[in-house]
C-alpha atoms as a PDB file:
ATOM      1  CA  UNK A   1      26.971  61.087  30.777  1.00  0.00           C
ATOM      2  CA  UNK A   2      24.937  58.781  32.929  1.00  0.00           C
ATOM      3  CA  UNK A   3      24.868  59.211  36.588  1.00  0.00           C
ATOM      4  CA  UNK A   4      23.260  56.295  39.008  1.00  0.00           C
ATOM      5  CA  UNK A   5      23.189  55.042  42.222  1.00  0.00           C
ATOM      6  CA  UNK A   6      24.932  51.835  43.054  1.00  0.00           C
ATOM      7  CA  UNK A   7      22.445  48.965  42.781  1.00  0.00           C
ATOM      8  CA  UNK A   8      20.440  50.958  39.925  1.00  0.00           C
ATOM      9  CA  UNK A   9      19.797  49.847  36.267  1.00  0.00           C
ATOM     10  CA  UNK A  10      20.573  51.423  33.486  1.00  0.00           C
ATOM     11  CA  UNK A  11      18.790  50.833  30.079  1.00  0.00           C
ATOM     12  CA  UNK A  12      19.768  52.033  26.534  1.00  0.00           C
ATOM     13  CA  UNK A  13      18.198  51.258  23.371  1.00  0.00           C
ATOM     14  CA  UNK A  14      20.163  49.623  20.687  1.00  0.00           C
ATOM     15  CA  UNK A  15      19.351  48.626  17.089  1.00  0.00           C
ATOM     16  CA  UNK A  16      20.525  45.106  17.436  1.00  0.00           C
ATOM     17  CA  UNK A  17      17.903  42.497  16.655  1.00  0.00           C
ATOM     18  CA  UNK A  18      19.224  39.472  18.120  1.00  0.00           C
ATOM     19  CA  UNK A  19      21.642  38.480  21.279  1.00  0.00           C
ATOM     20  CA  UNK A  20      24.940  40.662  21.654  1.00  0.00           C
ATOM     21  CA  UNK A  21      28.463  39.738  22.365  1.00  0.00           C
ATOM     22  CA  UNK A  22      31.340  41.741  23.160  1.00  0.00           C
ATOM     23  CA  UNK A  23      32.326  42.745  19.491  1.00  0.00           C
ATOM     24  CA  UNK A  24      29.102  44.896  19.535  1.00  0.00           C
ATOM     25  CA  UNK A  25      28.905  46.230  22.922  1.00  0.00           C
ATOM     26  CA  UNK A  26      31.510  46.739  25.605  1.00  0.00           C
ATOM     27  CA  UNK A  27      31.569  47.786  29.184  1.00  0.00           C
ATOM     28  CA  UNK A  28      34.811  48.653  30.579  1.00  0.00           C
ATOM     29  CA  UNK A  29      35.455  49.701  34.241  1.00  0.00           C
ATOM     30  CA  UNK A  30      38.346  52.235  34.748  1.00  0.00           C
ATOM     31  CA  UNK A  31      40.042  54.602  37.098  1.00  0.00           C
ATOM     32  CA  UNK A  32      39.519  58.210  37.006  1.00  0.00           C
ATOM     33  CA  UNK A  33      42.655  58.662  34.901  1.00  0.00           C
ATOM     34  CA  UNK A  34      41.172  56.336  32.308  1.00  0.00           C
ATOM     35  CA  UNK A  35      43.200  53.103  33.284  1.00  0.00           C
ATOM     36  CA  UNK A  36      41.671  49.842  32.571  1.00  0.00           C
ATOM     37  CA  UNK A  37      40.590  48.121  35.437  1.00  0.00           C
ATOM     38  CA  UNK A  38      37.956  45.576  34.327  1.00  0.00           C
ATOM     39  CA  UNK A  39      36.085  44.400  31.223  1.00  0.00           C
ATOM     40  CA  UNK A  40      32.358  44.074  32.702  1.00  0.00           C
ATOM     41  CA  UNK A  41      30.579  42.694  29.903  1.00  0.00           C
ATOM     42  CA  UNK A  42      29.054  40.193  32.355  1.00  0.00           C
ATOM     43  CA  UNK A  43      26.619  42.756  33.637  1.00  0.00           C
ATOM     44  CA  UNK A  44      25.028  43.674  30.495  1.00  0.00           C
ATOM     45  CA  UNK A  45      22.061  41.931  29.469  1.00  0.00           C
ATOM     46  CA  UNK A  46      20.333  42.237  25.812  1.00  0.00           C
ATOM     47  CA  UNK A  47      16.058  42.556  26.136  1.00  0.00           C
ATOM     48  CA  UNK A  48      14.141  42.121  23.138  1.00  0.00           C
ATOM     49  CA  UNK A  49      10.214  43.464  23.334  1.00  0.00           C
ATOM     50  CA  UNK A  50       7.762  42.232  20.613  1.00  0.00           C
ATOM     51  CA  UNK A  51       6.675  44.862  18.229  1.00  0.00           C
ATOM     52  CA  UNK A  52       9.793  46.835  18.545  1.00  0.00           C
ATOM     53  CA  UNK A  53      12.449  46.839  15.693  1.00  0.00           C
ATOM     54  CA  UNK A  54      15.650  47.121  18.013  1.00  0.00           C
ATOM     55  CA  UNK A  55      16.318  45.995  21.467  1.00  0.00           C
ATOM     56  CA  UNK A  56      17.558  47.288  24.894  1.00  0.00           C
ATOM     57  CA  UNK A  57      20.832  46.608  26.679  1.00  0.00           C
ATOM     58  CA  UNK A  58      20.139  46.540  30.784  1.00  0.00           C
ATOM     59  CA  UNK A  59      23.292  46.987  32.575  1.00  0.00           C
ATOM     60  CA  UNK A  60      22.894  46.147  36.364  1.00  0.00           C
ATOM     61  CA  UNK A  61      24.930  45.250  39.351  1.00  0.00           C
ATOM     62  CA  UNK A  62      27.695  47.775  39.488  1.00  0.00           C
ATOM     63  CA  UNK A  63      29.857  49.162  41.917  1.00  0.00           C
ATOM     64  CA  UNK A  64      30.791  52.579  42.405  1.00  0.00           C
ATOM     65  CA  UNK A  65      33.133  53.689  39.992  1.00  0.00           C
ATOM     66  CA  UNK A  66      33.841  55.037  36.555  1.00  0.00           C
ATOM     67  CA  UNK A  67      32.611  53.101  33.414  1.00  0.00           C
ATOM     68  CA  UNK A  68      32.304  53.502  29.446  1.00  0.00           C
ATOM     69  CA  UNK A  69      29.949  51.860  27.652  1.00  0.00           C
ATOM     70  CA  UNK A  70      30.747  51.383  23.709  1.00  0.00           C
ATOM     71  CA  UNK A  71      28.125  50.686  21.475  1.00  0.00           C
ATOM     72  CA  UNK A  72      30.324  49.666  18.317  1.00  0.00           C
ATOM     73  CA  UNK A  73      27.385  49.850  15.749  1.00  0.00           C
ATOM     74  CA  UNK A  74      27.081  53.609  16.176  1.00  0.00           C
ATOM     75  CA  UNK A  75      30.524  54.267  17.323  1.00  0.00           C
ATOM     76  CA  UNK A  76      29.208  55.761  20.715  1.00  0.00           C
ATOM     77  CA  UNK A  77      30.842  55.714  24.016  1.00  0.00           C
ATOM     78  CA  UNK A  78      28.779  56.707  26.837  1.00  0.00           C
ATOM     79  CA  UNK A  79      30.373  57.669  30.111  1.00  0.00           C
ATOM     80  CA  UNK A  80      28.621  56.113  32.989  1.00  0.00           C
ATOM     81  CA  UNK A  81      29.234  57.211  36.798  1.00  0.00           C
ATOM     82  CA  UNK A  82      28.039  54.952  39.629  1.00  0.00           C
ATOM     83  CA  UNK A  83      27.911  56.648  42.963  1.00  0.00           C
ATOM     84  CA  UNK A  84      27.580  55.529  46.572  1.00  0.00           C
ATOM     85  CA  UNK A  85      24.944  57.768  48.197  1.00  0.00           C
ATOM     86  CA  UNK A  86      20.762  58.621  47.986  1.00  0.00           C
ATOM     87  CA  UNK A  87      19.190  60.943  45.971  1.00  0.00           C
ATOM     88  CA  UNK A  88      18.048  64.531  47.156  1.00  0.00           C
ATOM     89  CA  UNK A  89      14.262  64.781  47.814  1.00  0.00           C
ATOM     90  CA  UNK A  90      13.540  65.936  44.174  1.00  0.00           C
ATOM     91  CA  UNK A  91      15.060  63.043  42.878  1.00  0.00           C
ATOM     92  CA  UNK A  92      17.287  64.297  40.135  1.00  0.00           C
ATOM     93  CA  UNK A  93      20.436  65.169  42.659  1.00  0.00           C
ATOM     94  CA  UNK A  94      22.751  62.602  43.829  1.00  0.00           C
ATOM     95  CA  UNK A  95      24.253  63.380  47.386  1.00  0.00           C
ATOM     96  CA  UNK A  96      27.690  61.182  47.860  1.00  0.00           C
END
């Protein structure tokens, strides 16, 4: 699970080498009891850097809530929680 604050970006490395679409990556917002609220694919950007085999997906602009990132090539689902709050002094603990 990845925990971030509102306004933060998340970058996840992927093996894709070209632009991505909704058949390869999905970003779904859901309630805490897993009812789908919205498809948030528009918040996913693909970044290709020269010299690297794969690329990176950057997820940005998410509101507080529960999300699932599904990377279909590796059949992985990554839970993503976006919180309202601030980081504690150590930058590793989120105060809600």
